[in-house]
Amino acid sequence: MLVGSVLGQCCFRKPLLHCLVAGSLICFGDAAVKAAVIITAVESGSNVIFSYTGQLDLTGLSGPGFLDFSFLGSGIAPSAGSFISGGIYDTYQYSGAFIPFGSGGTTLFGSFSGDGHIAIVNTSESQEIWVPPGYVSGAPLSGSVTFAGDFNSLGLTPGSYITALPSDTITMNIGAAPVPAPLPLLGLGAATAFSRQLKRRIALRRKREVGGGAG
């Protein structure tokens, strides 16, 4: 209702192009607030690249503990719903379970880049989220992890897998993330209206110019 109300007021008071921009900012802003952490895996040449971005609210999780996992190597275990980007961590226990995102076993990654490690780990004893030491809820996390192979060889099943935490979510997208329906619909409708308005203005201007010339 808030989006519709603000957009409606805008369209009564400002040109349509301004409304389109304002509406887009409202929608993207709302999506950003709810983004949490999104991990997306895509095939690129002979590799699979997992990229993640977002932030976490750790409220409701037990912790922190401490773990130096960097010396063991890191990677994915799709059948266990586990993803580890490497590094040194504060660990938080989670009472649920992360959803498997394929049938593959453990595969170590080839390289990492980014400014904040993260891990989601299912073990026989506990389910944990690992974040950088001293991590504060809401701080940005981002990184990219590269594996040799493709979805099939790594045992990854395309789809979107969402884990609901006590105060947040972690989404694992295997394959391109789906585009939310309201955004393309808003863009198409507004763009069509803008195009019609522009054509009317051009036709009116030409009519005035022809009328002025005739006089």
N, C-alpha and C. Protein backbone atom coordinates (compact mmCIF):
# COMPACT_ATOMS: atom_id res chain seq x y z
N MET A 1 0.83 -1.19 0.00
CA MET A 1 0.00 0.00 0.00
C MET A 1 0.87 1.26 0.00
N LEU A 2 1.99 1.21 0.72
CA LEU A 2 2.86 2.37 0.79
C LEU A 2 3.42 2.70 -0.57
N VAL A 3 3.86 1.67 -1.32
CA VAL A 3 4.42 1.90 -2.65
C VAL A 3 3.37 2.52 -3.55
N GLY A 4 2.14 1.96 -3.55
CA GLY A 4 1.08 2.47 -4.39
C GLY A 4 0.71 3.89 -4.02
N SER A 5 0.67 4.20 -2.72
CA SER A 5 0.30 5.53 -2.27
C SER A 5 1.32 6.57 -2.71
N VAL A 6 2.60 6.26 -2.48
CA VAL A 6 3.67 7.22 -2.84
C VAL A 6 3.72 7.41 -4.34
N LEU A 7 3.59 6.30 -5.09
CA LEU A 7 3.66 6.40 -6.54
C LEU A 7 2.47 7.16 -7.09
N GLY A 8 1.27 6.97 -6.47
CA GLY A 8 0.08 7.69 -6.92
C GLY A 8 0.22 9.18 -6.72
N GLN A 9 0.71 9.60 -5.55
CA GLN A 9 0.91 11.02 -5.28
C GLN A 9 1.92 11.61 -6.26
N CYS A 10 2.95 10.85 -6.54
CA CYS A 10 3.99 11.32 -7.46
C CYS A 10 3.41 11.57 -8.84
N CYS A 11 2.57 10.65 -9.32
CA CYS A 11 2.06 10.77 -10.69
C CYS A 11 1.08 11.91 -10.84
N PHE A 12 0.44 12.32 -9.76
CA PHE A 12 -0.45 13.46 -9.84
C PHE A 12 0.32 14.77 -9.87
N ARG A 13 1.51 14.78 -9.28
CA ARG A 13 2.21 16.04 -9.08
C ARG A 13 3.41 16.25 -9.99
N LYS A 14 3.94 15.16 -10.56
CA LYS A 14 5.17 15.29 -11.32
C LYS A 14 5.03 14.62 -12.67
N PRO A 15 5.91 14.92 -13.64
CA PRO A 15 5.88 14.27 -14.93
C PRO A 15 6.05 12.76 -14.79
N LEU A 16 5.57 12.05 -15.80
CA LEU A 16 5.56 10.59 -15.74
C LEU A 16 6.95 9.99 -15.60
N LEU A 17 7.93 10.58 -16.28
CA LEU A 17 9.29 10.04 -16.20
C LEU A 17 9.79 10.08 -14.77
N HIS A 18 9.47 11.17 -14.04
CA HIS A 18 9.87 11.26 -12.64
C HIS A 18 9.20 10.18 -11.82
N CYS A 19 7.95 9.87 -12.15
CA CYS A 19 7.22 8.82 -11.42
C CYS A 19 7.88 7.47 -11.63
N LEU A 20 8.28 7.20 -12.87
CA LEU A 20 8.94 5.93 -13.16
C LEU A 20 10.21 5.78 -12.35
N VAL A 21 11.00 6.83 -12.30
CA VAL A 21 12.24 6.78 -11.52
C VAL A 21 11.95 6.58 -10.05
N ALA A 22 11.00 7.34 -9.51
CA ALA A 22 10.66 7.22 -8.09
C ALA A 22 10.13 5.85 -7.76
N GLY A 23 9.26 5.31 -8.63
CA GLY A 23 8.71 3.98 -8.37
C GLY A 23 9.77 2.92 -8.39
N SER A 24 10.72 3.03 -9.33
CA SER A 24 11.81 2.06 -9.39
C SER A 24 12.66 2.10 -8.15
N LEU A 25 12.95 3.32 -7.65
CA LEU A 25 13.76 3.44 -6.44
C LEU A 25 13.05 2.84 -5.24
N ILE A 26 11.72 3.04 -5.17
CA ILE A 26 10.96 2.47 -4.06
C ILE A 26 11.06 0.96 -4.09
N CYS A 27 10.86 0.36 -5.28
CA CYS A 27 10.88 -1.10 -5.38
C CYS A 27 12.26 -1.66 -5.09
N PHE A 28 13.31 -1.04 -5.66
CA PHE A 28 14.65 -1.53 -5.42
C PHE A 28 15.04 -1.34 -3.97
N GLY A 29 14.61 -0.21 -3.35
CA GLY A 29 14.93 0.03 -1.95
C GLY A 29 14.31 -1.02 -1.06
N ASP A 30 13.05 -1.40 -1.34
CA ASP A 30 12.37 -2.41 -0.55
C ASP A 30 13.06 -3.75 -0.70
N ALA A 31 13.50 -4.08 -1.95
CA ALA A 31 14.19 -5.34 -2.17
C ALA A 31 15.51 -5.37 -1.43
N ALA A 32 16.22 -4.21 -1.39
CA ALA A 32 17.52 -4.17 -0.73
C ALA A 32 17.39 -4.43 0.76
N VAL A 33 16.31 -3.90 1.36
CA VAL A 33 16.14 -4.09 2.80
C VAL A 33 15.97 -5.56 3.13
N LYS A 34 15.30 -6.30 2.22
CA LYS A 34 14.99 -7.70 2.49
C LYS A 34 16.00 -8.65 1.87
N ALA A 35 17.10 -8.12 1.35
CA ALA A 35 18.01 -8.96 0.59
C ALA A 35 18.69 -10.02 1.43
N ALA A 36 19.02 -9.72 2.75
CA ALA A 36 19.80 -10.64 3.58
C ALA A 36 21.05 -11.04 2.81
N VAL A 37 21.42 -12.33 2.82
CA VAL A 37 22.56 -12.78 2.02
C VAL A 37 22.04 -13.64 0.87
N ILE A 38 22.46 -13.31 -0.34
CA ILE A 38 22.09 -14.08 -1.52
C ILE A 38 23.37 -14.64 -2.14
N ILE A 39 23.40 -15.96 -2.29
CA ILE A 39 24.53 -16.65 -2.93
C ILE A 39 24.05 -17.16 -4.28
N THR A 40 24.74 -16.80 -5.35
CA THR A 40 24.33 -17.20 -6.69
C THR A 40 25.46 -17.91 -7.40
N ALA A 41 25.17 -19.10 -7.91
CA ALA A 41 26.16 -19.89 -8.65
C ALA A 41 25.83 -19.86 -10.13
N VAL A 42 26.84 -19.55 -10.96
CA VAL A 42 26.64 -19.54 -12.42
C VAL A 42 27.81 -20.28 -13.07
N GLU A 43 27.52 -20.91 -14.20
CA GLU A 43 28.57 -21.54 -14.98
C GLU A 43 29.27 -20.48 -15.83
N SER A 44 30.59 -20.50 -15.83
CA SER A 44 31.37 -19.55 -16.61
C SER A 44 32.55 -20.27 -17.23
N GLY A 45 32.44 -20.57 -18.53
CA GLY A 45 33.49 -21.35 -19.18
C GLY A 45 33.58 -22.74 -18.56
N SER A 46 34.76 -23.11 -18.09
CA SER A 46 34.96 -24.42 -17.48
C SER A 46 34.88 -24.35 -15.96
N ASN A 47 34.30 -23.29 -15.43
CA ASN A 47 34.21 -23.09 -13.99
C ASN A 47 32.78 -22.82 -13.55
N VAL A 48 32.56 -22.97 -12.25
CA VAL A 48 31.34 -22.51 -11.60
C VAL A 48 31.74 -21.46 -10.58
N ILE A 49 31.14 -20.30 -10.65
CA ILE A 49 31.47 -19.20 -9.75
C ILE A 49 30.29 -18.95 -8.80
N PHE A 50 30.57 -19.03 -7.52
CA PHE A 50 29.59 -18.68 -6.49
C PHE A 50 29.89 -17.26 -6.03
N SER A 51 28.95 -16.36 -6.21
CA SER A 51 29.10 -14.98 -5.74
C SER A 51 28.05 -14.71 -4.68
N TYR A 52 28.44 -13.99 -3.64
CA TYR A 52 27.46 -13.67 -2.60
C TYR A 52 27.58 -12.22 -2.18
N THR A 53 26.45 -11.69 -1.75
CA THR A 53 26.40 -10.31 -1.29
C THR A 53 25.22 -10.14 -0.35
N GLY A 54 25.29 -9.11 0.50
CA GLY A 54 24.20 -8.83 1.42
C GLY A 54 24.71 -8.57 2.82
N GLN A 55 23.83 -8.81 3.80
CA GLN A 55 24.18 -8.63 5.20
C GLN A 55 23.29 -9.54 6.02
N LEU A 56 23.71 -9.83 7.26
CA LEU A 56 22.95 -10.73 8.11
C LEU A 56 22.57 -10.08 9.42
N ASP A 57 21.39 -10.45 9.91
CA ASP A 57 20.96 -10.11 11.26
C ASP A 57 21.12 -11.38 12.08
N LEU A 58 22.04 -11.38 13.02
CA LEU A 58 22.37 -12.58 13.79
C LEU A 58 21.48 -12.76 15.01
N THR A 59 20.50 -11.89 15.21
CA THR A 59 19.61 -11.99 16.36
C THR A 59 18.92 -13.36 16.39
N GLY A 60 18.94 -14.01 17.55
CA GLY A 60 18.29 -15.31 17.69
C GLY A 60 19.21 -16.49 17.48
N LEU A 61 20.46 -16.25 17.05
CA LEU A 61 21.43 -17.32 16.88
C LEU A 61 22.32 -17.42 18.11
N SER A 62 22.81 -18.61 18.41
CA SER A 62 23.68 -18.81 19.58
C SER A 62 25.13 -18.61 19.18
N GLY A 63 25.84 -17.77 19.92
CA GLY A 63 27.23 -17.52 19.61
C GLY A 63 27.66 -16.17 20.17
N PRO A 64 28.87 -15.74 19.80
CA PRO A 64 29.74 -16.43 18.84
C PRO A 64 30.74 -17.39 19.50
N GLY A 65 31.14 -18.38 18.72
CA GLY A 65 32.31 -19.19 19.04
C GLY A 65 33.40 -18.76 18.07
N PHE A 66 34.52 -19.46 18.05
CA PHE A 66 35.63 -19.07 17.17
C PHE A 66 36.20 -20.30 16.50
N LEU A 67 36.56 -20.13 15.21
CA LEU A 67 37.13 -21.24 14.44
C LEU A 67 38.07 -20.70 13.38
N ASP A 68 39.26 -21.29 13.29
CA ASP A 68 40.18 -20.99 12.19
C ASP A 68 40.11 -22.15 11.22
N PHE A 69 39.39 -21.93 10.12
CA PHE A 69 39.17 -23.00 9.14
C PHE A 69 40.10 -22.87 7.94
N SER A 70 40.90 -21.81 7.91
CA SER A 70 41.67 -21.51 6.71
C SER A 70 42.68 -22.60 6.36
N PHE A 71 43.17 -23.30 7.35
CA PHE A 71 44.21 -24.30 7.08
C PHE A 71 43.64 -25.61 6.54
N LEU A 72 42.35 -25.80 6.61
CA LEU A 72 41.74 -27.04 6.15
C LEU A 72 41.27 -26.96 4.69
N GLY A 73 41.19 -25.78 4.14
CA GLY A 73 40.59 -25.62 2.82
C GLY A 73 39.09 -25.52 2.94
N SER A 74 38.44 -25.02 1.92
CA SER A 74 37.01 -24.78 1.99
C SER A 74 36.36 -25.10 0.65
N GLY A 75 35.04 -25.19 0.66
CA GLY A 75 34.36 -25.53 -0.58
C GLY A 75 32.87 -25.72 -0.37
N ILE A 76 32.29 -26.63 -1.15
CA ILE A 76 30.86 -26.88 -1.08
C ILE A 76 30.60 -28.37 -0.83
N ALA A 77 29.46 -28.65 -0.24
CA ALA A 77 28.94 -30.01 -0.10
C ALA A 77 27.43 -29.91 -0.37
N PRO A 78 27.04 -29.91 -1.65
CA PRO A 78 25.63 -29.67 -1.99
C PRO A 78 24.65 -30.60 -1.28
N SER A 79 24.99 -31.89 -1.16
CA SER A 79 24.06 -32.84 -0.54
C SER A 79 23.86 -32.57 0.94
N ALA A 80 24.81 -31.84 1.55
CA ALA A 80 24.71 -31.48 2.97
C ALA A 80 24.21 -30.05 3.15
N GLY A 81 24.01 -29.33 2.04
CA GLY A 81 23.58 -27.93 2.14
C GLY A 81 24.64 -27.02 2.70
N SER A 82 25.92 -27.35 2.49
CA SER A 82 27.02 -26.60 3.09
C SER A 82 27.82 -25.81 2.05
N PHE A 83 28.22 -24.60 2.44
CA PHE A 83 29.03 -23.71 1.60
C PHE A 83 30.01 -22.99 2.51
N ILE A 84 31.31 -23.11 2.22
CA ILE A 84 32.35 -22.51 3.06
C ILE A 84 33.30 -21.74 2.16
N SER A 85 33.45 -20.44 2.39
CA SER A 85 34.29 -19.63 1.50
C SER A 85 35.72 -19.47 2.01
N GLY A 86 36.07 -20.15 3.10
CA GLY A 86 37.44 -20.09 3.61
C GLY A 86 37.63 -18.98 4.63
N GLY A 87 38.73 -19.04 5.39
CA GLY A 87 39.03 -17.96 6.30
C GLY A 87 38.89 -18.30 7.77
N ILE A 88 38.90 -17.26 8.60
CA ILE A 88 38.78 -17.37 10.05
C ILE A 88 37.40 -16.83 10.44
N TYR A 89 36.72 -17.51 11.35
CA TYR A 89 35.32 -17.22 11.58
C TYR A 89 34.94 -17.04 13.05
N ASP A 90 33.87 -16.25 13.26
CA ASP A 90 33.03 -16.39 14.44
C ASP A 90 31.90 -17.32 14.03
N THR A 91 31.55 -18.26 14.89
CA THR A 91 30.53 -19.25 14.55
C THR A 91 29.27 -19.03 15.38
N TYR A 92 28.13 -19.19 14.72
CA TYR A 92 26.83 -19.06 15.37
C TYR A 92 26.01 -20.31 15.07
N GLN A 93 25.40 -20.88 16.10
CA GLN A 93 24.61 -22.08 15.92
C GLN A 93 23.17 -21.72 15.54
N TYR A 94 22.61 -22.56 14.68
CA TYR A 94 21.28 -22.36 14.13
C TYR A 94 20.46 -23.61 14.43
N SER A 95 19.23 -23.44 14.88
CA SER A 95 18.43 -24.58 15.33
C SER A 95 17.77 -25.35 14.20
N GLY A 96 17.77 -24.79 12.98
CA GLY A 96 17.15 -25.47 11.84
C GLY A 96 18.18 -26.24 11.04
N ALA A 97 17.94 -26.36 9.74
CA ALA A 97 18.89 -27.05 8.86
C ALA A 97 18.90 -26.36 7.51
N PHE A 98 20.07 -26.29 6.89
CA PHE A 98 20.18 -25.69 5.58
C PHE A 98 19.73 -26.70 4.52
N ILE A 99 19.06 -26.21 3.49
CA ILE A 99 18.46 -27.08 2.48
C ILE A 99 19.54 -27.54 1.50
N PRO A 100 19.64 -28.85 1.24
CA PRO A 100 20.59 -29.32 0.22
C PRO A 100 20.31 -28.66 -1.12
N PHE A 101 21.36 -28.35 -1.87
CA PHE A 101 21.18 -27.71 -3.17
C PHE A 101 21.77 -28.55 -4.29
N GLY A 102 21.77 -29.88 -4.08
CA GLY A 102 22.25 -30.82 -5.08
C GLY A 102 22.58 -32.15 -4.44
N SER A 103 23.15 -33.05 -5.24
CA SER A 103 23.49 -34.39 -4.76
C SER A 103 24.99 -34.59 -4.59
N GLY A 104 25.79 -33.57 -4.91
CA GLY A 104 27.24 -33.71 -4.89
C GLY A 104 27.83 -33.78 -3.50
N GLY A 105 29.02 -34.41 -3.44
CA GLY A 105 29.76 -34.47 -2.19
C GLY A 105 30.64 -33.23 -2.04
N THR A 106 31.67 -33.34 -1.22
CA THR A 106 32.53 -32.20 -0.93
C THR A 106 33.50 -31.91 -2.08
N THR A 107 33.58 -30.65 -2.49
CA THR A 107 34.53 -30.19 -3.50
C THR A 107 35.20 -28.93 -2.98
N LEU A 108 36.53 -28.90 -3.01
CA LEU A 108 37.26 -27.71 -2.56
C LEU A 108 37.32 -26.69 -3.68
N PHE A 109 37.30 -25.40 -3.31
CA PHE A 109 37.32 -24.36 -4.33
C PHE A 109 38.74 -24.08 -4.79
N GLY A 110 38.83 -23.41 -5.96
CA GLY A 110 40.12 -23.07 -6.52
C GLY A 110 40.62 -21.71 -6.09
N SER A 111 39.71 -20.73 -5.94
CA SER A 111 40.14 -19.39 -5.57
C SER A 111 38.99 -18.62 -4.92
N PHE A 112 39.37 -17.59 -4.13
CA PHE A 112 38.39 -16.73 -3.46
C PHE A 112 38.80 -15.28 -3.66
N SER A 113 37.80 -14.41 -3.81
CA SER A 113 38.06 -12.97 -3.77
C SER A 113 36.89 -12.32 -3.05
N GLY A 114 37.14 -11.20 -2.37
CA GLY A 114 36.07 -10.52 -1.67
C GLY A 114 36.55 -9.89 -0.38
N ASP A 115 35.62 -9.34 0.38
CA ASP A 115 35.99 -8.65 1.60
C ASP A 115 35.29 -9.19 2.85
N GLY A 116 34.69 -10.38 2.74
CA GLY A 116 34.04 -10.94 3.92
C GLY A 116 33.67 -12.39 3.71
N HIS A 117 34.37 -13.31 4.40
CA HIS A 117 34.05 -14.73 4.27
C HIS A 117 32.71 -15.04 4.93
N ILE A 118 32.06 -16.07 4.42
CA ILE A 118 30.83 -16.55 5.05
C ILE A 118 30.72 -18.06 4.81
N ALA A 119 30.04 -18.75 5.71
CA ALA A 119 29.82 -20.18 5.54
C ALA A 119 28.48 -20.58 6.14
N ILE A 120 27.84 -21.54 5.49
CA ILE A 120 26.67 -22.20 6.06
C ILE A 120 27.03 -23.69 6.13
N VAL A 121 26.91 -24.26 7.31
CA VAL A 121 27.47 -25.59 7.55
C VAL A 121 26.47 -26.50 8.25
N ASN A 122 26.21 -27.65 7.64
CA ASN A 122 25.42 -28.71 8.27
C ASN A 122 26.38 -29.83 8.66
N THR A 123 26.39 -30.21 9.92
CA THR A 123 27.15 -31.36 10.36
C THR A 123 26.22 -32.31 11.11
N SER A 124 26.72 -33.47 11.49
CA SER A 124 25.90 -34.43 12.23
C SER A 124 25.58 -33.92 13.62
N GLU A 125 26.33 -32.94 14.11
CA GLU A 125 26.14 -32.45 15.47
C GLU A 125 25.41 -31.11 15.54
N SER A 126 25.60 -30.25 14.53
CA SER A 126 24.99 -28.92 14.60
C SER A 126 24.89 -28.29 13.23
N GLN A 127 24.13 -27.22 13.17
CA GLN A 127 24.03 -26.38 11.97
C GLN A 127 24.55 -25.00 12.37
N GLU A 128 25.47 -24.47 11.58
CA GLU A 128 26.13 -23.24 11.97
C GLU A 128 26.24 -22.25 10.82
N ILE A 129 26.30 -20.98 11.17
CA ILE A 129 26.64 -19.90 10.25
C ILE A 129 27.96 -19.32 10.70
N TRP A 130 28.89 -19.17 9.77
CA TRP A 130 30.19 -18.62 10.10
C TRP A 130 30.34 -17.26 9.41
N VAL A 131 30.80 -16.29 10.18
CA VAL A 131 30.99 -14.91 9.67
C VAL A 131 32.37 -14.42 10.11
N PRO A 132 32.86 -13.32 9.55
CA PRO A 132 34.19 -12.82 9.93
C PRO A 132 34.26 -12.48 11.42
N PRO A 133 35.43 -12.59 12.04
CA PRO A 133 35.59 -12.27 13.47
C PRO A 133 35.10 -10.86 13.79
N GLY A 134 34.31 -10.73 14.85
CA GLY A 134 33.82 -9.43 15.25
C GLY A 134 32.70 -8.89 14.38
N TYR A 135 32.12 -9.74 13.54
CA TYR A 135 31.06 -9.29 12.64
C TYR A 135 29.89 -8.70 13.42
N VAL A 136 29.39 -7.56 12.96
CA VAL A 136 28.25 -6.88 13.57
C VAL A 136 27.04 -7.01 12.64
N SER A 137 25.89 -7.37 13.19
CA SER A 137 24.69 -7.53 12.38
C SER A 137 24.46 -6.33 11.47
N GLY A 138 24.19 -6.61 10.20
CA GLY A 138 23.92 -5.55 9.24
C GLY A 138 25.13 -5.09 8.45
N ALA A 139 26.33 -5.53 8.85
CA ALA A 139 27.53 -5.15 8.09
C ALA A 139 27.54 -5.89 6.75
N PRO A 140 28.07 -5.25 5.69
CA PRO A 140 28.05 -5.89 4.37
C PRO A 140 28.97 -7.09 4.28
N LEU A 141 28.55 -8.07 3.51
CA LEU A 141 29.34 -9.26 3.21
C LEU A 141 29.34 -9.47 1.70
N SER A 142 30.48 -9.75 1.13
CA SER A 142 30.53 -10.03 -0.30
C SER A 142 31.77 -10.85 -0.62
N GLY A 143 31.67 -11.63 -1.67
CA GLY A 143 32.81 -12.44 -2.08
C GLY A 143 32.46 -13.27 -3.29
N SER A 144 33.48 -13.95 -3.82
CA SER A 144 33.30 -14.80 -5.00
C SER A 144 34.23 -15.99 -4.87
N VAL A 145 33.70 -17.18 -5.09
CA VAL A 145 34.46 -18.42 -4.96
C VAL A 145 34.35 -19.19 -6.27
N THR A 146 35.48 -19.65 -6.80
CA THR A 146 35.51 -20.32 -8.10
C THR A 146 35.86 -21.80 -7.95
N PHE A 147 35.08 -22.65 -8.64
CA PHE A 147 35.30 -24.09 -8.66
C PHE A 147 35.51 -24.54 -10.10
N ALA A 148 36.41 -25.49 -10.31
CA ALA A 148 36.58 -26.09 -11.63
C ALA A 148 35.45 -27.08 -11.87
N GLY A 149 34.83 -27.01 -13.07
CA GLY A 149 33.76 -27.94 -13.40
C GLY A 149 32.50 -27.23 -13.84
N ASP A 150 31.39 -27.97 -13.84
CA ASP A 150 30.09 -27.40 -14.17
C ASP A 150 29.06 -27.90 -13.17
N PHE A 151 27.80 -27.49 -13.34
CA PHE A 151 26.77 -27.89 -12.38
C PHE A 151 26.69 -29.41 -12.24
N ASN A 152 26.77 -30.09 -13.38
CA ASN A 152 26.64 -31.54 -13.36
C ASN A 152 27.78 -32.21 -12.62
N SER A 153 29.02 -31.82 -12.92
CA SER A 153 30.17 -32.47 -12.30
C SER A 153 30.28 -32.17 -10.81
N LEU A 154 29.75 -31.02 -10.40
CA LEU A 154 29.78 -30.66 -8.99
C LEU A 154 28.55 -31.14 -8.23
N GLY A 155 27.62 -31.74 -8.96
CA GLY A 155 26.42 -32.25 -8.31
C GLY A 155 25.48 -31.16 -7.83
N LEU A 156 25.36 -30.08 -8.60
CA LEU A 156 24.49 -28.96 -8.25
C LEU A 156 23.18 -29.06 -9.01
N THR A 157 22.09 -28.81 -8.33
CA THR A 157 20.76 -28.85 -8.94
C THR A 157 20.23 -27.43 -9.09
N PRO A 158 20.01 -26.94 -10.32
CA PRO A 158 19.51 -25.58 -10.51
C PRO A 158 18.21 -25.33 -9.74
N GLY A 159 18.11 -24.15 -9.17
CA GLY A 159 16.93 -23.78 -8.41
C GLY A 159 17.28 -22.74 -7.36
N SER A 160 16.29 -22.36 -6.59
CA SER A 160 16.47 -21.37 -5.53
C SER A 160 16.14 -22.02 -4.19
N TYR A 161 17.07 -21.93 -3.23
CA TYR A 161 16.93 -22.60 -1.94
C TYR A 161 17.04 -21.54 -0.84
N ILE A 162 15.96 -21.38 -0.08
CA ILE A 162 15.89 -20.30 0.91
C ILE A 162 15.83 -20.88 2.32
N THR A 163 16.78 -20.46 3.16
CA THR A 163 16.79 -20.86 4.57
C THR A 163 16.35 -19.67 5.42
N ALA A 164 15.33 -19.87 6.21
CA ALA A 164 14.82 -18.81 7.09
C ALA A 164 15.52 -18.90 8.44
N LEU A 165 16.27 -17.86 8.77
CA LEU A 165 16.91 -17.74 10.08
C LEU A 165 15.93 -17.07 11.04
N PRO A 166 16.24 -17.01 12.34
CA PRO A 166 15.33 -16.36 13.28
C PRO A 166 14.99 -14.93 12.89
N SER A 167 15.98 -14.19 12.34
CA SER A 167 15.73 -12.78 12.00
C SER A 167 16.15 -12.42 10.59
N ASP A 168 16.39 -13.39 9.73
CA ASP A 168 16.90 -13.09 8.40
C ASP A 168 16.74 -14.30 7.49
N THR A 169 17.28 -14.21 6.28
CA THR A 169 17.27 -15.34 5.36
C THR A 169 18.60 -15.45 4.63
N ILE A 170 18.91 -16.67 4.19
CA ILE A 170 20.03 -16.91 3.29
C ILE A 170 19.47 -17.65 2.08
N THR A 171 19.69 -17.10 0.89
CA THR A 171 19.17 -17.69 -0.34
C THR A 171 20.32 -18.22 -1.18
N MET A 172 20.21 -19.46 -1.60
CA MET A 172 21.18 -20.07 -2.50
C MET A 172 20.52 -20.25 -3.86
N ASN A 173 21.00 -19.51 -4.86
CA ASN A 173 20.50 -19.63 -6.23
C ASN A 173 21.50 -20.40 -7.07
N ILE A 174 21.10 -21.56 -7.56
CA ILE A 174 21.94 -22.32 -8.49
C ILE A 174 21.42 -22.01 -9.89
N GLY A 175 22.18 -21.24 -10.64
CA GLY A 175 21.70 -20.70 -11.90
C GLY A 175 21.30 -19.25 -11.68
N ALA A 176 20.97 -18.56 -12.76
CA ALA A 176 20.63 -17.14 -12.67
C ALA A 176 19.44 -16.95 -11.74
N ALA A 177 19.52 -15.94 -10.88
CA ALA A 177 18.43 -15.64 -9.95
C ALA A 177 17.22 -15.15 -10.72
N PRO A 178 16.01 -15.61 -10.37
CA PRO A 178 14.80 -15.13 -11.05
C PRO A 178 14.56 -13.65 -10.78
N VAL A 179 14.05 -12.93 -11.78
CA VAL A 179 13.73 -11.51 -11.62
C VAL A 179 12.36 -11.38 -10.99
N PRO A 180 12.20 -10.63 -9.88
CA PRO A 180 10.88 -10.47 -9.27
C PRO A 180 9.87 -9.93 -10.27
N ALA A 181 8.66 -10.52 -10.28
CA ALA A 181 7.65 -10.16 -11.27
C ALA A 181 7.24 -8.69 -11.25
N PRO A 182 7.05 -8.06 -10.09
CA PRO A 182 6.56 -6.67 -10.10
C PRO A 182 7.45 -5.69 -10.84
N LEU A 183 8.77 -5.91 -10.84
CA LEU A 183 9.67 -4.95 -11.47
C LEU A 183 9.52 -4.88 -12.98
N PRO A 184 9.57 -6.04 -13.69
CA PRO A 184 9.39 -5.93 -15.14
C PRO A 184 8.00 -5.44 -15.53
N LEU A 185 6.97 -5.81 -14.74
CA LEU A 185 5.63 -5.33 -15.03
C LEU A 185 5.54 -3.83 -14.86
N LEU A 186 6.12 -3.32 -13.78
CA LEU A 186 6.13 -1.88 -13.56
C LEU A 186 6.88 -1.18 -14.68
N GLY A 187 8.05 -1.71 -15.04
CA GLY A 187 8.85 -1.08 -16.09
C GLY A 187 8.14 -1.07 -17.42
N LEU A 188 7.48 -2.19 -17.79
CA LEU A 188 6.79 -2.27 -19.07
C LEU A 188 5.61 -1.31 -19.11
N GLY A 189 4.81 -1.29 -18.04
CA GLY A 189 3.63 -0.42 -18.01
C GLY A 189 4.01 1.05 -18.06
N ALA A 190 4.98 1.43 -17.26
CA ALA A 190 5.40 2.83 -17.22
C ALA A 190 6.06 3.24 -18.53
N ALA A 191 6.87 2.35 -19.09
CA ALA A 191 7.54 2.68 -20.34
C ALA A 191 6.51 2.85 -21.46
N THR A 192 5.47 2.00 -21.49
CA THR A 192 4.43 2.11 -22.52
C THR A 192 3.69 3.43 -22.38
N ALA A 193 3.33 3.78 -21.14
CA ALA A 193 2.62 5.04 -20.90
C ALA A 193 3.47 6.23 -21.30
N PHE A 194 4.75 6.18 -20.96
CA PHE A 194 5.65 7.27 -21.30
C PHE A 194 5.76 7.42 -22.82
N SER A 195 5.83 6.29 -23.53
CA SER A 195 5.94 6.32 -24.98
C SER A 195 4.70 6.96 -25.60
N ARG A 196 3.50 6.62 -25.09
CA ARG A 196 2.28 7.19 -25.61
C ARG A 196 2.21 8.70 -25.36
N GLN A 197 2.61 9.08 -24.15
CA GLN A 197 2.59 10.51 -23.81
C GLN A 197 3.55 11.29 -24.70
N LEU A 198 4.72 10.71 -24.95
CA LEU A 198 5.71 11.37 -25.79
C LEU A 198 5.18 11.54 -27.22
N LYS A 199 4.50 10.49 -27.74
CA LYS A 199 3.95 10.58 -29.10
C LYS A 199 2.89 11.67 -29.19
N ARG A 200 2.03 11.77 -28.14
CA ARG A 200 1.00 12.79 -28.15
C ARG A 200 1.62 14.19 -28.17
N ARG A 201 2.66 14.37 -27.36
CA ARG A 201 3.31 15.68 -27.29
C ARG A 201 3.95 16.05 -28.63
N ILE A 202 4.57 15.07 -29.28
CA ILE A 202 5.20 15.32 -30.59
C ILE A 202 4.14 15.69 -31.61
N ALA A 203 3.00 14.93 -31.61
CA ALA A 203 1.93 15.21 -32.57
C ALA A 203 1.34 16.60 -32.34
N LEU A 204 1.14 16.96 -31.06
CA LEU A 204 0.59 18.28 -30.74
C LEU A 204 1.54 19.39 -31.17
N ARG A 205 2.82 19.20 -30.95
CA ARG A 205 3.81 20.22 -31.35
C ARG A 205 3.82 20.41 -32.86
N ARG A 206 3.75 19.29 -33.60
CA ARG A 206 3.75 19.39 -35.06
C ARG A 206 2.49 20.11 -35.55
N LYS A 207 1.34 19.83 -34.90
CA LYS A 207 0.10 20.47 -35.28
C LYS A 207 0.18 21.97 -35.08
N ARG A 208 0.79 22.39 -33.95
CA ARG A 208 0.94 23.81 -33.69
C ARG A 208 1.87 24.48 -34.69
N GLU A 209 2.97 23.74 -35.05
CA GLU A 209 3.91 24.31 -35.99
C GLU A 209 3.27 24.48 -37.38
N VAL A 210 2.48 23.46 -37.76
CA VAL A 210 1.80 23.54 -39.08
C VAL A 210 0.79 24.68 -39.06
N GLY A 211 0.03 24.80 -37.97
CA GLY A 211 -0.95 25.87 -37.86
C GLY A 211 -0.30 27.23 -37.89
N GLY A 212 0.85 27.37 -37.22
CA GLY A 212 1.56 28.66 -37.19
C GLY A 212 2.09 29.02 -38.56
N GLY A 213 2.57 28.01 -39.31
CA GLY A 213 3.09 28.27 -40.63
C GLY A 213 2.02 28.71 -41.59
N ALA A 214 0.83 28.10 -41.42
CA ALA A 214 -0.25 28.43 -42.34
C ALA A 214 -0.74 29.86 -42.12
N GLY A 215 -0.65 30.32 -40.86
CA GLY A 215 -1.10 31.66 -40.57
C GLY A 215 -0.11 32.68 -41.08
